[in-house]
């Protein structure tokens, strides 16, 4: 590839850097990222060496503008505005989304082992899903039954209370029927561009597998209203936290023990790009500014 190019820094492991400023990407992680990012609609790079020698870089962006991502783009001569790393860490931390609600019944963000113990006491013999504060692609989560928790799981739980990514989102493990997302971009002036709802799929580990635009009527009117309300709350909270840039929220339809279908409009909030972001934004990227 020669001539003028725009690059995309695919630091899909951004949460690891946000959780540990000394994080160094392994060759195994780099290979995993290259495989996962192959479908992105860009000239994907992980460092400056990925740019062809005869190419002229005229612009670029990053999955999440962490310090290492900014350093690579700076080396390529790309000027990119982004929030401070402290802002990125705060708004991608699961406690941020948890504070916006709603949560699944019994769900709580825990900042100590004692918090987890109190949450488990409500249903010690039922499965719970534990998600570390700065996780991604199905990583850093564990399913446990408190009354049967082994030593390794207890060690993992205790280790989750240290560092920048301290804390655990503790949720009842539920039967998910369908997963959806809604994406947007907050502009530096505070305006927000909104995309279209997306139906996406994950693999057995919770990692992204597929995405398409939701079809008309695929979300019930009440579900769509709840998703729109969650989007508005997220955009407002991100704006108040001095964040600007791409973001996406995940939601899902689930079934309770009685077989009743329910809707959870805010299961995740990602203040960065997501694998489904371009599907949802598409022509809507020019969007509706509000």
Foldseek 3Di string as FASTA:
>chain_A
DAEEFEEEAEPQVVLVCLQPVPDDDDPVNVVVSCVVCVPPPGQYDNAPVSDDPRYQYDEYYYQAPDPVNVVRCVVSVHDDDFDDSVLQLVLQFVVNLPVLDDAAVLKDKDLAVVVVVVSCVVPQQAKKKKAFRRDAQLPRIDIDRNVPDDPVVVVSLHVSNDTSRHIITIGGDFAFDWKKKWKWWQDQVGWIFTFAIKTFDHDPSRGTDGIAGDDVPNQPPVQVVLLVVSVVSSSVSSVVSSGGTMKMFMKTWTADPVRDIDITNGPHINSGDDPCRCNGCPVSRVGDID
